[in-house]
PDB file of N, CA and C in Angstrom:
ATOM      1  N   MET A   1     116.026 110.921 100.854  1.00  0.00           N
ATOM      2  CA  MET A   1     114.827 111.543 100.324  1.00  0.00           C
ATOM      3  C   MET A   1     114.014 112.067 101.517  1.00  0.00           C
ATOM      4  N   PRO A   2     113.474 113.274 101.402  1.00  0.00           N
ATOM      5  CA  PRO A   2     112.682 113.850 102.492  1.00  0.00           C
ATOM      6  C   PRO A   2     111.445 113.009 102.832  1.00  0.00           C
ATOM      7  N   VAL A   3     110.982 113.158 104.063  1.00  0.00           N
ATOM      8  CA  VAL A   3     109.851 112.383 104.579  1.00  0.00           C
ATOM      9  C   VAL A   3     108.613 112.556 103.706  1.00  0.00           C
ATOM     10  N   LYS A   4     108.308 113.771 103.301  1.00  0.00           N
ATOM     11  CA  LYS A   4     107.108 114.012 102.488  1.00  0.00           C
ATOM     12  C   LYS A   4     107.196 113.270 101.159  1.00  0.00           C
ATOM     13  N   ALA A   5     108.367 113.257 100.562  1.00  0.00           N
ATOM     14  CA  ALA A   5     108.541 112.553  99.289  1.00  0.00           C
ATOM     15  C   ALA A   5     108.376 111.053  99.488  1.00  0.00           C
ATOM     16  N   LEU A   6     108.912 110.534 100.582  1.00  0.00           N
ATOM     17  CA  LEU A   6     108.775 109.104 100.865  1.00  0.00           C
ATOM     18  C   LEU A   6     107.323 108.722 101.102  1.00  0.00           C
ATOM     19  N   ALA A   7     106.560 109.604 101.732  1.00  0.00           N
ATOM     20  CA  ALA A   7     105.139 109.345 101.960  1.00  0.00           C
ATOM     21  C   ALA A   7     104.354 109.463 100.659  1.00  0.00           C
ATOM     22  N   ALA A   8     104.756 110.378  99.792  1.00  0.00           N
ATOM     23  CA  ALA A   8     104.024 110.650  98.557  1.00  0.00           C
ATOM     24  C   ALA A   8     104.191 109.561  97.505  1.00  0.00           C
ATOM     25  N   LEU A   9     105.368 108.980  97.411  1.00  0.00           N
ATOM     26  CA  LEU A   9     105.642 108.037  96.326  1.00  0.00           C
ATOM     27  C   LEU A   9     104.735 106.816  96.295  1.00  0.00           C
ATOM     28  N   PRO A  10     104.505 106.123  97.402  1.00  0.00           N
ATOM     29  CA  PRO A  10     103.619 104.947  97.314  1.00  0.00           C
ATOM     30  C   PRO A  10     102.204 105.296  96.849  1.00  0.00           C
ATOM     31  N   VAL A  11     101.695 106.423  97.312  1.00  0.00           N
ATOM     32  CA  VAL A  11     100.351 106.844  96.895  1.00  0.00           C
ATOM     33  C   VAL A  11     100.361 107.182  95.407  1.00  0.00           C
ATOM     34  N   ALA A  12     101.330 107.958  94.981  1.00  0.00           N
ATOM     35  CA  ALA A  12     101.422 108.341  93.567  1.00  0.00           C
ATOM     36  C   ALA A  12     101.571 107.109  92.681  1.00  0.00           C
ATOM     37  N   GLU A  13     102.431 106.188  93.081  1.00  0.00           N
ATOM     38  CA  GLU A  13     102.629 104.985  92.283  1.00  0.00           C
ATOM     39  C   GLU A  13     101.340 104.170  92.197  1.00  0.00           C
ATOM     40  N   GLU A  14     100.606 104.092  93.304  1.00  0.00           N
ATOM     41  CA  GLU A  14      99.361 103.323  93.296  1.00  0.00           C
ATOM     42  C   GLU A  14      98.324 103.935  92.358  1.00  0.00           C
ATOM     43  N   VAL A  15      98.069 105.227  92.491  1.00  0.00           N
ATOM     44  CA  VAL A  15      97.011 105.840  91.687  1.00  0.00           C
ATOM     45  C   VAL A  15      97.414 105.995  90.224  1.00  0.00           C
ATOM     46  N   LEU A  16      98.703 106.109  89.955  1.00  0.00           N
ATOM     47  CA  LEU A  16      99.151 106.275  88.576  1.00  0.00           C
ATOM     48  C   LEU A  16      99.428 104.946  87.882  1.00  0.00           C
ATOM     49  N   SER A  17      99.339 103.830  88.622  1.00  0.00           N
ATOM     50  CA  SER A  17      99.625 102.530  88.019  1.00  0.00           C
ATOM     51  C   SER A  17      98.451 101.973  87.220  1.00  0.00           C
ATOM     52  N   VAL A  18      97.259 102.508  87.450  1.00  0.00           N
ATOM     53  CA  VAL A  18      96.078 102.065  86.701  1.00  0.00           C
ATOM     54  C   VAL A  18      96.230 102.530  85.254  1.00  0.00           C
ATOM     55  N   PRO A  19      95.911 101.674  84.276  1.00  0.00           N
ATOM     56  CA  PRO A  19      96.028 102.100  82.874  1.00  0.00           C
ATOM     57  C   PRO A  19      95.287 103.419  82.618  1.00  0.00           C
ATOM     58  N   VAL A  20      95.868 104.262  81.805  1.00  0.00           N
ATOM     59  CA  VAL A  20      95.340 105.595  81.544  1.00  0.00           C
ATOM     60  C   VAL A  20      93.882 105.554  81.093  1.00  0.00           C
ATOM     61  N   ALA A  21      93.523 104.582  80.293  1.00  0.00           N
ATOM     62  CA  ALA A  21      92.151 104.506  79.788  1.00  0.00           C
ATOM     63  C   ALA A  21      91.134 104.230  80.896  1.00  0.00           C
ATOM     64  N   ASN A  22      91.594 103.682  82.021  1.00  0.00           N
ATOM     65  CA  ASN A  22      90.696 103.274  83.097  1.00  0.00           C
ATOM     66  C   ASN A  22      90.766 104.151  84.342  1.00  0.00           C
ATOM     67  N   ARG A  23      91.401 105.297  84.247  1.00  0.00           N
ATOM     68  CA  ARG A  23      91.509 106.145  85.422  1.00  0.00           C
ATOM     69  C   ARG A  23      91.324 107.605  85.037  1.00  0.00           C
ATOM     70  N   PRO A  24      90.965 108.421  86.028  1.00  0.00           N
ATOM     71  CA  PRO A  24      90.867 109.856  85.738  1.00  0.00           C
ATOM     72  C   PRO A  24      92.259 110.456  85.548  1.00  0.00           C
ATOM     73  N   ASN A  25      92.309 111.586  84.889  1.00  0.00           N
ATOM     74  CA  ASN A  25      93.575 112.305  84.792  1.00  0.00           C
ATOM     75  C   ASN A  25      93.913 112.883  86.153  1.00  0.00           C
ATOM     76  N   TRP A  26      95.144 112.728  86.557  1.00  0.00           N
ATOM     77  CA  TRP A  26      95.584 113.239  87.850  1.00  0.00           C
ATOM     78  C   TRP A  26      96.419 114.491  87.628  1.00  0.00           C
ATOM     79  N   THR A  27      95.886 115.633  88.013  1.00  0.00           N
ATOM     80  CA  THR A  27      96.664 116.864  87.983  1.00  0.00           C
ATOM     81  C   THR A  27      97.527 116.883  89.238  1.00  0.00           C
ATOM     82  N   LEU A  28      98.560 117.692  89.235  1.00  0.00           N
ATOM     83  CA  LEU A  28      99.419 117.774  90.419  1.00  0.00           C
ATOM     84  C   LEU A  28      98.646 118.226  91.665  1.00  0.00           C
ATOM     85  N   PRO A  29      97.783 119.257  91.564  1.00  0.00           N
ATOM     86  CA  PRO A  29      97.025 119.643  92.758  1.00  0.00           C
ATOM     87  C   PRO A  29      96.103 118.524  93.256  1.00  0.00           C
ATOM     88  N   ARG A  30      95.467 117.837  92.343  1.00  0.00           N
ATOM     89  CA  ARG A  30      94.571 116.751  92.736  1.00  0.00           C
ATOM     90  C   ARG A  30      95.354 115.609  93.379  1.00  0.00           C
ATOM     91  N   LEU A  31      96.497 115.275  92.812  1.00  0.00           N
ATOM     92  CA  LEU A  31      97.334 114.221  93.362  1.00  0.00           C
ATOM     93  C   LEU A  31      97.883 114.622  94.730  1.00  0.00           C
ATOM     94  N   ALA A  32      98.265 115.877  94.889  1.00  0.00           N
ATOM     95  CA  ALA A  32      98.759 116.365  96.183  1.00  0.00           C
ATOM     96  C   ALA A  32      97.671 116.258  97.255  1.00  0.00           C
ATOM     97  N   ARG A  33      96.427 116.570  96.891  1.00  0.00           N
ATOM     98  CA  ARG A  33      95.311 116.435  97.839  1.00  0.00           C
ATOM     99  C   ARG A  33      95.073 114.979  98.210  1.00  0.00           C
ATOM    100  N   GLU A  34      95.171 114.093  97.235  1.00  0.00           N
ATOM    101  CA  GLU A  34      94.989 112.661  97.505  1.00  0.00           C
ATOM    102  C   GLU A  34      96.087 112.141  98.425  1.00  0.00           C
ATOM    103  N   ILE A  35      97.304 112.575  98.208  1.00  0.00           N
ATOM    104  CA  ILE A  35      98.429 112.174  99.063  1.00  0.00           C
ATOM    105  C   ILE A  35      98.199 112.661 100.486  1.00  0.00           C
ATOM    106  N   GLU A  36      97.767 113.907 100.628  1.00  0.00           N
ATOM    107  CA  GLU A  36      97.500 114.444 101.962  1.00  0.00           C
ATOM    108  C   GLU A  36      96.355 113.684 102.645  1.00  0.00           C
ATOM    109  N   ALA A  37      95.317 113.358 101.887  1.00  0.00           N
ATOM    110  CA  ALA A  37      94.182 112.630 102.461  1.00  0.00           C
ATOM    111  C   ALA A  37      94.591 111.240 102.940  1.00  0.00           C
ATOM    112  N   ARG A  38      95.465 110.591 102.208  1.00  0.00           N
ATOM    113  CA  ARG A  38      95.863 109.221 102.555  1.00  0.00           C
ATOM    114  C   ARG A  38      96.965 109.152 103.600  1.00  0.00           C
ATOM    115  N   THR A  39      97.879 110.131 103.597  1.00  0.00           N
ATOM    116  CA  THR A  39      99.051 110.038 104.470  1.00  0.00           C
ATOM    117  C   THR A  39      99.082 111.071 105.585  1.00  0.00           C
ATOM    118  N   GLY A  40      98.324 112.151 105.415  1.00  0.00           N
ATOM    119  CA  GLY A  40      98.396 113.247 106.374  1.00  0.00           C
ATOM    120  C   GLY A  40      99.581 114.172 106.126  1.00  0.00           C
ATOM    121  N   GLN A  41     100.366 113.877 105.118  1.00  0.00           N
ATOM    122  CA  GLN A  41     101.530 114.695 104.771  1.00  0.00           C
ATOM    123  C   GLN A  41     101.170 115.618 103.615  1.00  0.00           C
ATOM    124  N   ARG A  42     101.363 116.907 103.794  1.00  0.00           N
ATOM    125  CA  ARG A  42     101.116 117.880 102.726  1.00  0.00           C
ATOM    126  C   ARG A  42     102.408 118.065 101.934  1.00  0.00           C
ATOM    127  N   ILE A  43     102.295 117.987 100.611  1.00  0.00           N
ATOM    128  CA  ILE A  43     103.443 118.199  99.734  1.00  0.00           C
ATOM    129  C   ILE A  43     103.030 119.212  98.672  1.00  0.00           C
ATOM    130  N   SER A  44     103.892 120.171  98.400  1.00  0.00           N
ATOM    131  CA  SER A  44     103.561 121.199  97.414  1.00  0.00           C
ATOM    132  C   SER A  44     103.576 120.589  96.014  1.00  0.00           C
ATOM    133  N   CYS A  45     102.844 121.216  95.131  1.00  0.00           N
ATOM    134  CA  CYS A  45     102.785 120.744  93.739  1.00  0.00           C
ATOM    135  C   CYS A  45     104.162 120.802  93.088  1.00  0.00           C
ATOM    136  N   SER A  46     104.924 121.838  93.383  1.00  0.00           N
ATOM    137  CA  SER A  46     106.250 121.950  92.769  1.00  0.00           C
ATOM    138  C   SER A  46     107.176 120.843  93.262  1.00  0.00           C
ATOM    139  N   ARG A  47     107.118 120.532  94.545  1.00  0.00           N
ATOM    140  CA  ARG A  47     107.952 119.451  95.092  1.00  0.00           C
ATOM    141  C   ARG A  47     107.479 118.103  94.566  1.00  0.00           C
ATOM    142  N   LEU A  48     106.167 117.926  94.493  1.00  0.00           N
ATOM    143  CA  LEU A  48     105.615 116.685  93.970  1.00  0.00           C
ATOM    144  C   LEU A  48     106.062 116.474  92.526  1.00  0.00           C
ATOM    145  N   SER A  49     106.080 117.523  91.745  1.00  0.00           N
ATOM    146  CA  SER A  49     106.530 117.438  90.361  1.00  0.00           C
ATOM    147  C   SER A  49     107.964 116.930  90.283  1.00  0.00           C
ATOM    148  N   VAL A  50     108.824 117.463  91.134  1.00  0.00           N
ATOM    149  CA  VAL A  50     110.234 117.046  91.157  1.00  0.00           C
ATOM    150  C   VAL A  50     110.347 115.574  91.554  1.00  0.00           C
ATOM    151  N   VAL A  51     109.626 115.187  92.587  1.00  0.00           N
ATOM    152  CA  VAL A  51     109.670 113.801  93.072  1.00  0.00           C
ATOM    153  C   VAL A  51     109.192 112.840  91.982  1.00  0.00           C
ATOM    154  N   LEU A  52     108.083 113.165  91.335  1.00  0.00           N
ATOM    155  CA  LEU A  52     107.559 112.303  90.278  1.00  0.00           C
ATOM    156  C   LEU A  52     108.521 112.210  89.099  1.00  0.00           C
ATOM    157  N   ARG A  53     109.080 113.340  88.731  1.00  0.00           N
ATOM    158  CA  ARG A  53     110.004 113.355  87.593  1.00  0.00           C
ATOM    159  C   ARG A  53     111.234 112.486  87.885  1.00  0.00           C
ATOM    160  N   LYS A  54     111.755 112.560  89.119  1.00  0.00           N
ATOM    161  CA  LYS A  54     112.928 111.764  89.487  1.00  0.00           C
ATOM    162  C   LYS A  54     112.627 110.275  89.459  1.00  0.00           C
ATOM    163  N   LYS A  55     111.376 109.905  89.731  1.00  0.00           N
ATOM    164  CA  LYS A  55     110.987 108.500  89.722  1.00  0.00           C
ATOM    165  C   LYS A  55     110.443 108.056  88.366  1.00  0.00           C
ATOM    166  N   GLY A  56     110.347 108.962  87.405  1.00  0.00           N
ATOM    167  CA  GLY A  56     109.876 108.609  86.074  1.00  0.00           C
ATOM    168  C   GLY A  56     108.368 108.460  85.989  1.00  0.00           C
ATOM    169  N   LEU A  57     107.642 109.137  86.874  1.00  0.00           N
ATOM    170  CA  LEU A  57     106.179 109.096  86.864  1.00  0.00           C
ATOM    171  C   LEU A  57     105.637 110.408  86.331  1.00  0.00           C
ATOM    172  N   SER A  58     104.406 110.368  85.850  1.00  0.00           N
ATOM    173  CA  SER A  58     103.748 111.566  85.346  1.00  0.00           C
ATOM    174  C   SER A  58     102.309 111.576  85.822  1.00  0.00           C
ATOM    175  N   ALA A  59     101.850 112.680  86.372  1.00  0.00           N
ATOM    176  CA  ALA A  59     100.479 112.766  86.873  1.00  0.00           C
ATOM    177  C   ALA A  59      99.462 112.814  85.744  1.00  0.00           C
ATOM    178  N   GLY A  60      99.826 113.314  84.591  1.00  0.00           N
ATOM    179  CA  GLY A  60      98.851 113.497  83.525  1.00  0.00           C
ATOM    180  C   GLY A  60      98.713 112.367  82.545  1.00  0.00           C
ATOM    181  N   ALA A  61      99.738 111.538  82.397  1.00  0.00           N
ATOM    182  CA  ALA A  61      99.680 110.558  81.323  1.00  0.00           C
ATOM    183  C   ALA A  61     100.250 109.191  81.699  1.00  0.00           C
ATOM    184  N   GLY A  62     100.156 108.811  82.934  1.00  0.00           N
ATOM    185  CA  GLY A  62     100.689 107.499  83.328  1.00  0.00           C
ATOM    186  C   GLY A  62     102.191 107.548  83.392  1.00  0.00           C
ATOM    187  N   ARG A  63     102.829 106.442  83.160  1.00  0.00           N
ATOM    188  CA  ARG A  63     104.283 106.385  83.234  1.00  0.00           C
ATOM    189  C   ARG A  63     104.900 107.229  82.122  1.00  0.00           C
ATOM    190  N   ALA A  64     105.909 108.000  82.491  1.00  0.00           N
ATOM    191  CA  ALA A  64     106.577 108.857  81.520  1.00  0.00           C
ATOM    192  C   ALA A  64     107.410 108.003  80.572  1.00  0.00           C
ATOM    193  N   THR A  65     107.523 108.441  79.346  1.00  0.00           N
ATOM    194  CA  THR A  65     108.378 107.746  78.380  1.00  0.00           C
ATOM    195  C   THR A  65     109.642 108.558  78.217  1.00  0.00           C
ATOM    196  N   ARG A  66     110.653 107.881  77.784  1.00  0.00           N
ATOM    197  CA  ARG A  66     111.937 108.569  77.624  1.00  0.00           C
ATOM    198  C   ARG A  66     112.337 108.620  76.182  1.00  0.00           C
TER     199      ARG A  66
END
């Protein structure tokens, strides 16, 4: 997995792990900015979408269902 994806996943998992009722909605651009602020690694929204989808995460609605 590319370095940016490895840096992005822990941040995404942390912010998306809070129950949906208790957290703001995370759009891909907002989540990408948060990842950059925390890690210093910039990741594009399109790449972030792919990384989240592969891990079964969703920026808009918490954990994705199958």
